[in-house]
Amino acid sequence: MEKKLEVIISDIKKCLTPDLLKKEYREINKKNPMYGHCYVATETLYHLLKDKNFKPHYGKDEDNITHWWLQDNHKNIIDVTKEQYTILNKEPPYNNGKRGAFLTLNPSKRSKILMDRINGNKIS
């Protein structure tokens, strides 16, 4: 699963663009390309993964911004956009994370757009 997971994450990252962001995140995203994409990236990964042991989690960072990732019961974390923190030498807010749920059961509009892009860009 590790290799497939890396490919899925890479495909998601390649297809993230500013039009998928909420307006308030677009300016910061110009300097930090993963910033603001955590929700749609995490939701998309969740729907593309066959392993449903990983559930959505979220936490507030030091700037009171909500960050999303997937986590299993063994506290293994999959975070597509963690670079938005690591490039600033910061840690994502895993320490105050909680189990969450996406706004919709089916992929959201933005997640569907991202999945369509991924399927169109699939090399393997």
Protein backbone atom coordinates (compact mmCIF):
# COMPACT_ATOMS: atom_id res chain seq x y z
CA MET A 1 0.00 0.00 0.00
CA GLU A 2 2.90 2.36 0.72
CA LYS A 3 3.87 2.81 -2.96
CA LYS A 4 0.28 3.31 -4.08
CA LEU A 5 -0.29 5.81 -1.28
CA GLU A 6 2.76 7.82 -2.37
CA VAL A 7 1.44 7.92 -5.95
CA ILE A 8 -2.03 9.06 -4.84
CA ILE A 9 -0.56 11.80 -2.64
CA SER A 10 1.74 12.94 -5.44
CA ASP A 11 -1.17 13.04 -7.88
CA ILE A 12 -3.27 15.09 -5.45
CA LYS A 13 -0.45 17.59 -4.90
CA LYS A 14 0.17 18.01 -8.63
CA CYS A 15 -3.49 18.88 -9.20
CA LEU A 16 -3.95 21.43 -6.39
CA THR A 17 -4.49 24.91 -7.80
CA PRO A 18 -5.64 28.25 -6.35
CA ASP A 19 -9.13 27.91 -7.85
CA LEU A 20 -9.76 25.09 -5.35
CA LEU A 21 -9.06 27.43 -2.42
CA LYS A 22 -11.42 29.54 -0.41
CA LYS A 23 -10.79 33.19 -1.30
CA GLU A 24 -9.27 34.05 2.08
CA TYR A 25 -6.44 31.52 1.53
CA ARG A 26 -5.38 32.53 -1.98
CA GLU A 27 -2.97 35.35 -1.08
CA ILE A 28 -1.01 33.31 1.48
CA ASN A 29 -1.02 30.33 -0.88
CA LYS A 30 1.09 32.30 -3.38
CA LYS A 31 4.02 32.03 -0.93
CA ASN A 32 3.08 28.65 0.56
CA PRO A 33 1.64 26.36 -2.16
CA MET A 34 0.03 23.80 0.17
CA TYR A 35 -1.60 26.44 2.40
CA GLY A 36 -5.38 26.25 2.41
CA HIS A 37 -5.62 22.95 0.55
CA CYS A 38 -5.73 20.61 3.56
CA TYR A 39 -9.48 20.01 3.60
CA VAL A 40 -9.96 19.24 -0.09
CA ALA A 41 -6.71 17.24 -0.26
CA THR A 42 -7.64 15.19 2.82
CA GLU A 43 -11.20 14.62 1.64
CA THR A 44 -9.98 13.53 -1.79
CA LEU A 45 -7.38 11.17 -0.33
CA TYR A 46 -10.04 9.66 1.94
CA HIS A 47 -12.30 8.91 -1.02
CA LEU A 48 -9.46 7.54 -3.17
CA LEU A 49 -7.99 5.32 -0.44
CA LYS A 50 -9.22 1.77 -0.22
CA ASP A 51 -8.19 1.66 3.47
CA LYS A 52 -11.09 3.16 5.40
CA ASN A 53 -9.28 2.62 8.72
CA PHE A 54 -7.98 6.15 8.19
CA LYS A 55 -10.51 8.74 9.33
CA PRO A 56 -10.55 12.54 9.03
CA HIS A 57 -9.01 14.50 11.90
CA TYR A 58 -8.55 18.21 12.42
CA GLY A 59 -6.88 20.60 14.83
CA LYS A 60 -6.36 24.33 15.25
CA ASP A 61 -2.85 25.67 14.72
CA GLU A 62 -1.20 28.58 16.57
CA ASP A 63 -2.96 31.03 14.22
CA ASN A 64 -6.35 29.44 14.98
CA ILE A 65 -6.53 27.98 11.45
CA THR A 66 -8.11 24.54 11.16
CA HIS A 67 -5.85 21.89 9.59
CA TRP A 68 -7.10 18.51 8.29
CA TRP A 69 -5.39 15.10 7.91
CA LEU A 70 -6.21 11.37 8.04
CA GLN A 71 -5.36 9.22 11.05
CA ASP A 72 -6.00 5.61 12.08
CA ASN A 73 -6.64 4.12 15.54
CA HIS A 74 -2.88 3.52 15.97
CA LYS A 75 -2.22 7.26 15.55
CA ASN A 76 -0.62 6.77 12.12
CA ILE A 77 -1.03 10.05 10.24
CA ILE A 78 -1.33 10.74 6.53
CA ASP A 79 -1.12 14.48 5.88
CA VAL A 80 -1.07 15.50 2.22
CA THR A 81 -0.35 19.18 2.94
CA LYS A 82 1.93 19.02 5.98
CA GLU A 83 4.54 20.99 3.99
CA GLN A 84 2.53 24.15 4.63
CA TYR A 85 3.91 23.85 8.17
CA THR A 86 7.25 22.12 7.68
CA ILE A 87 8.54 24.72 5.19
CA LEU A 88 8.10 27.22 8.02
CA ASN A 89 9.81 24.89 10.54
CA LYS A 90 6.48 24.41 12.32
CA GLU A 91 4.59 21.29 13.33
CA PRO A 92 1.03 20.67 12.16
CA PRO A 93 -1.48 20.74 15.05
CA TYR A 94 -1.66 16.97 15.54
CA ASN A 95 -1.28 17.36 19.31
CA ASN A 96 -4.73 18.94 19.64
CA GLY A 97 -6.37 16.94 16.87
CA LYS A 98 -9.85 15.48 17.05
CA ARG A 99 -11.74 12.98 14.97
CA GLY A 100 -13.92 14.87 12.53
CA ALA A 101 -16.27 14.36 9.63
CA PHE A 102 -16.43 15.91 6.22
CA LEU A 103 -19.34 18.21 5.41
CA THR A 104 -20.77 15.71 2.93
CA LEU A 105 -20.85 11.90 2.78
CA ASN A 106 -20.05 11.91 -0.92
CA PRO A 107 -17.14 13.87 -2.37
CA SER A 108 -17.72 17.62 -2.32
CA LYS A 109 -17.74 19.71 -5.50
CA ARG A 110 -14.08 20.69 -5.01
CA SER A 111 -13.09 17.10 -4.27
CA LYS A 112 -14.87 15.89 -7.44
CA ILE A 113 -12.98 18.50 -9.47
CA LEU A 114 -9.70 17.34 -7.94
CA MET A 115 -10.50 13.65 -8.58
CA ASP A 116 -11.40 14.45 -12.21
CA ARG A 117 -8.03 16.19 -12.61
CA ILE A 118 -6.20 13.27 -11.04
CA ASN A 119 -7.92 10.76 -13.30
CA GLY A 120 -7.09 12.91 -16.33
CA ASN A 121 -3.43 13.23 -15.27
CA LYS A 122 -2.95 9.60 -14.28
CA ILE A 123 0.30 8.24 -15.72
CA SER A 124 0.36 4.84 -14.03
